[in-house]
Amino acid sequence: MERLVVLGFVFVFVGVLLIFLGILSSVSRGGVQGKSEVEAGGIVFIGPIPIVFGTSKGVTKAMLVLALVVSVLLLVFYLLSSRGTRPFPGT
């Protein structure tokens, strides 16, 4: 259990570090020159139901695929935990 807590902190730290490095690299290059386009998308899970959104068809399709993968993984882990088997050793 303690290892999972430490692993969680490591993931959060690495995520913040990656965001900081991305901002730093953008600033060091003088920001974005000229015209650029940004696309974004996301998934919100309300219970087992994913709500998918995106700024373009390509991003929305990618989010749909990601939502399907995450839904299947959640279902697999749920079924494994309900059978009494442990998906991770040592838990």
Protein backbone atom coordinates (compact mmCIF):
# COMPACT_ATOMS: atom_id res chain seq x y z
CA MET A 1 0.00 0.00 0.00
CA GLU A 2 2.80 2.41 0.87
CA ARG A 3 4.45 1.69 -2.47
CA LEU A 4 1.27 2.73 -4.29
CA VAL A 5 1.16 6.02 -2.40
CA VAL A 6 4.79 6.72 -3.28
CA LEU A 7 4.09 5.74 -6.90
CA GLY A 8 1.15 8.16 -6.97
CA PHE A 9 3.33 11.00 -5.73
CA VAL A 10 5.97 10.14 -8.32
CA PHE A 11 3.39 10.27 -11.13
CA VAL A 12 2.09 13.64 -9.94
CA PHE A 13 5.63 15.01 -9.67
CA VAL A 14 6.57 13.75 -13.16
CA GLY A 15 3.38 15.27 -14.60
CA VAL A 16 4.05 18.67 -13.05
CA LEU A 17 7.68 18.47 -14.20
CA LEU A 18 6.61 17.72 -17.79
CA ILE A 19 4.21 20.66 -17.80
CA PHE A 20 6.91 22.94 -16.43
CA LEU A 21 9.43 21.76 -19.04
CA GLY A 22 6.89 22.29 -21.82
CA ILE A 23 6.22 25.84 -20.71
CA LEU A 24 9.93 26.50 -20.28
CA SER A 25 10.77 25.21 -23.76
CA SER A 26 8.02 27.35 -25.30
CA VAL A 27 9.23 30.47 -23.53
CA SER A 28 12.89 29.83 -24.38
CA ARG A 29 12.02 29.71 -28.09
CA GLY A 30 10.31 33.08 -27.84
CA GLY A 31 6.81 31.69 -27.75
CA VAL A 32 4.86 30.62 -30.79
CA GLN A 33 5.69 32.67 -33.88
CA GLY A 34 3.01 33.39 -36.42
CA LYS A 35 -0.37 31.79 -36.64
CA SER A 36 -1.02 28.46 -34.96
CA GLU A 37 -3.99 26.25 -34.29
CA VAL A 38 -4.69 24.39 -31.10
CA GLU A 39 -6.93 21.36 -30.84
CA ALA A 40 -8.19 19.92 -27.59
CA GLY A 41 -10.50 17.24 -26.34
CA GLY A 42 -11.46 15.40 -23.22
CA ILE A 43 -13.47 12.69 -21.53
CA VAL A 44 -15.65 13.01 -18.45
CA PHE A 45 -16.81 9.79 -16.82
CA ILE A 46 -20.10 10.00 -14.95
CA GLY A 47 -20.29 6.57 -13.44
CA PRO A 48 -19.70 4.11 -16.26
CA ILE A 49 -20.87 6.54 -18.96
CA PRO A 50 -18.20 8.54 -20.80
CA ILE A 51 -18.97 12.01 -22.14
CA VAL A 52 -16.58 12.86 -24.97
CA PHE A 53 -15.84 16.28 -26.44
CA GLY A 54 -13.32 17.77 -28.84
CA THR A 55 -12.64 20.77 -31.03
CA SER A 56 -12.38 18.76 -34.25
CA LYS A 57 -13.57 15.46 -35.66
CA GLY A 58 -10.10 13.93 -35.43
CA VAL A 59 -9.67 14.81 -31.77
CA THR A 60 -13.18 13.64 -30.95
CA LYS A 61 -12.55 10.28 -32.63
CA ALA A 62 -9.31 9.88 -30.67
CA MET A 63 -11.17 10.65 -27.43
CA LEU A 64 -13.85 8.09 -28.33
CA VAL A 65 -11.20 5.41 -28.80
CA LEU A 66 -9.53 6.40 -25.53
CA ALA A 67 -12.90 6.33 -23.73
CA LEU A 68 -13.58 2.85 -25.10
CA VAL A 69 -10.18 1.58 -23.95
CA VAL A 70 -10.57 3.09 -20.48
CA SER A 71 -14.12 1.71 -20.18
CA VAL A 72 -12.94 -1.80 -21.09
CA LEU A 73 -10.05 -1.58 -18.60
CA LEU A 74 -12.41 -0.40 -15.86
CA LEU A 75 -14.76 -3.29 -16.63
CA VAL A 76 -11.91 -5.81 -16.55
CA PHE A 77 -10.58 -4.52 -13.23
CA TYR A 78 -14.09 -4.52 -11.78
CA LEU A 79 -14.70 -8.11 -12.85
CA LEU A 80 -11.31 -9.19 -11.50
CA SER A 81 -11.96 -7.52 -8.15
CA SER A 82 -15.45 -9.02 -7.87
CA ARG A 83 -14.04 -12.53 -8.46
CA GLY A 84 -11.74 -12.09 -5.50
CA THR A 85 -8.58 -12.20 -7.60
CA ARG A 86 -6.04 -9.47 -7.20
CA PRO A 87 -5.13 -7.55 -10.36
CA PHE A 88 -1.84 -6.43 -8.80
CA PRO A 89 0.44 -8.67 -6.77
CA GLY A 90 0.95 -7.67 -3.19
CA THR A 91 -2.39 -5.89 -2.72
